[in-house]
Amino acid sequence: MSKKKKFLNKNTNKKHIKLNGKRIRFLSPDSSIYDTSSTIILRGKPITEKQKKEAKLLEFLSRAPISFNDDDA
């Protein structure tokens, strides 16, 4: 892990910011990059075998006809 800290210079000029000495420009809302839509896909953690078995058990129990009446005793 890098010990170099990131810093952000606040600037009253809203067209760019400086991050670690590099100048990053902002785009205007009318920019052509916003004309096309995009999809961002986020991958989650993989499901473990234990979680798969637990999900199957819970699904089975939710469908099972179980009743707890006093008449069954």
Protein backbone atom coordinates (compact mmCIF):
# COMPACT_ATOMS: atom_id res chain seq x y z
CA MET A 1 0.00 0.00 0.00
CA SER A 2 1.38 3.36 -0.95
CA LYS A 3 2.20 5.78 1.83
CA LYS A 4 1.73 8.68 -0.57
CA LYS A 5 -1.46 10.49 0.43
CA LYS A 6 -3.86 11.80 -2.16
CA PHE A 7 -4.81 15.41 -1.79
CA LEU A 8 -7.40 17.49 -3.52
CA ASN A 9 -6.79 21.18 -4.17
CA LYS A 10 -9.91 23.25 -3.82
CA ASN A 11 -10.20 25.72 -6.60
CA THR A 12 -12.88 28.31 -7.28
CA ASN A 13 -12.55 27.58 -11.00
CA LYS A 14 -15.03 24.72 -11.51
CA LYS A 15 -13.63 23.62 -14.89
CA HIS A 16 -10.94 21.40 -13.37
CA ILE A 17 -9.53 20.03 -10.13
CA LYS A 18 -6.00 19.09 -9.19
CA LEU A 19 -5.42 15.63 -7.76
CA ASN A 20 -1.84 14.72 -6.80
CA GLY A 21 -0.53 17.45 -9.04
CA LYS A 22 -2.50 16.27 -12.07
CA ARG A 23 -5.18 18.46 -13.56
CA ILE A 24 -8.52 16.74 -14.17
CA ARG A 25 -11.06 18.55 -16.33
CA PHE A 26 -14.83 18.40 -15.97
CA LEU A 27 -17.20 18.05 -18.90
CA SER A 28 -20.17 20.29 -19.44
CA PRO A 29 -23.66 18.74 -19.17
CA ASP A 30 -24.12 19.35 -22.91
CA SER A 31 -21.08 17.24 -23.79
CA SER A 32 -21.48 14.46 -26.39
CA ILE A 33 -20.28 11.82 -23.92
CA TYR A 34 -23.66 12.03 -22.18
CA ASP A 35 -25.62 11.40 -25.42
CA THR A 36 -25.15 7.62 -25.28
CA SER A 37 -26.30 5.47 -22.41
CA SER A 38 -24.01 3.03 -20.68
CA THR A 39 -24.39 0.11 -18.34
CA ILE A 40 -22.17 -0.36 -15.31
CA ILE A 41 -21.85 -3.96 -14.17
CA LEU A 42 -20.73 -4.53 -10.60
CA ARG A 43 -19.65 -8.01 -9.62
CA GLY A 44 -20.41 -9.19 -6.12
CA LYS A 45 -18.83 -11.85 -3.98
CA PRO A 46 -19.09 -15.41 -5.30
CA ILE A 47 -21.67 -17.63 -3.60
CA THR A 48 -20.16 -20.43 -1.53
CA GLU A 49 -21.36 -24.04 -1.50
CA LYS A 50 -22.70 -23.57 2.04
CA GLN A 51 -24.81 -20.61 0.94
CA LYS A 52 -26.20 -22.62 -2.00
CA LYS A 53 -27.23 -25.48 0.28
CA GLU A 54 -28.77 -23.11 2.82
CA ALA A 55 -30.78 -21.37 0.09
CA LYS A 56 -32.09 -24.72 -1.17
CA LEU A 57 -33.09 -25.76 2.36
CA LEU A 58 -34.90 -22.49 3.04
CA GLU A 59 -36.70 -22.72 -0.30
CA PHE A 60 -37.77 -26.32 0.50
CA LEU A 61 -38.98 -25.35 3.98
CA SER A 62 -41.00 -22.48 2.57
CA ARG A 63 -42.88 -24.94 0.32
CA ALA A 64 -43.30 -27.73 2.89
CA PRO A 65 -46.84 -28.19 4.29
CA ILE A 66 -46.01 -27.99 7.98
CA SER A 67 -48.68 -27.15 10.55
CA PHE A 68 -48.52 -27.01 14.33
CA ASN A 69 -52.08 -27.61 15.54
CA ASP A 70 -53.08 -29.06 18.92
CA ASP A 71 -55.27 -31.63 17.10
CA ASP A 72 -52.22 -33.46 15.68
CA ALA A 73 -51.01 -34.65 19.10
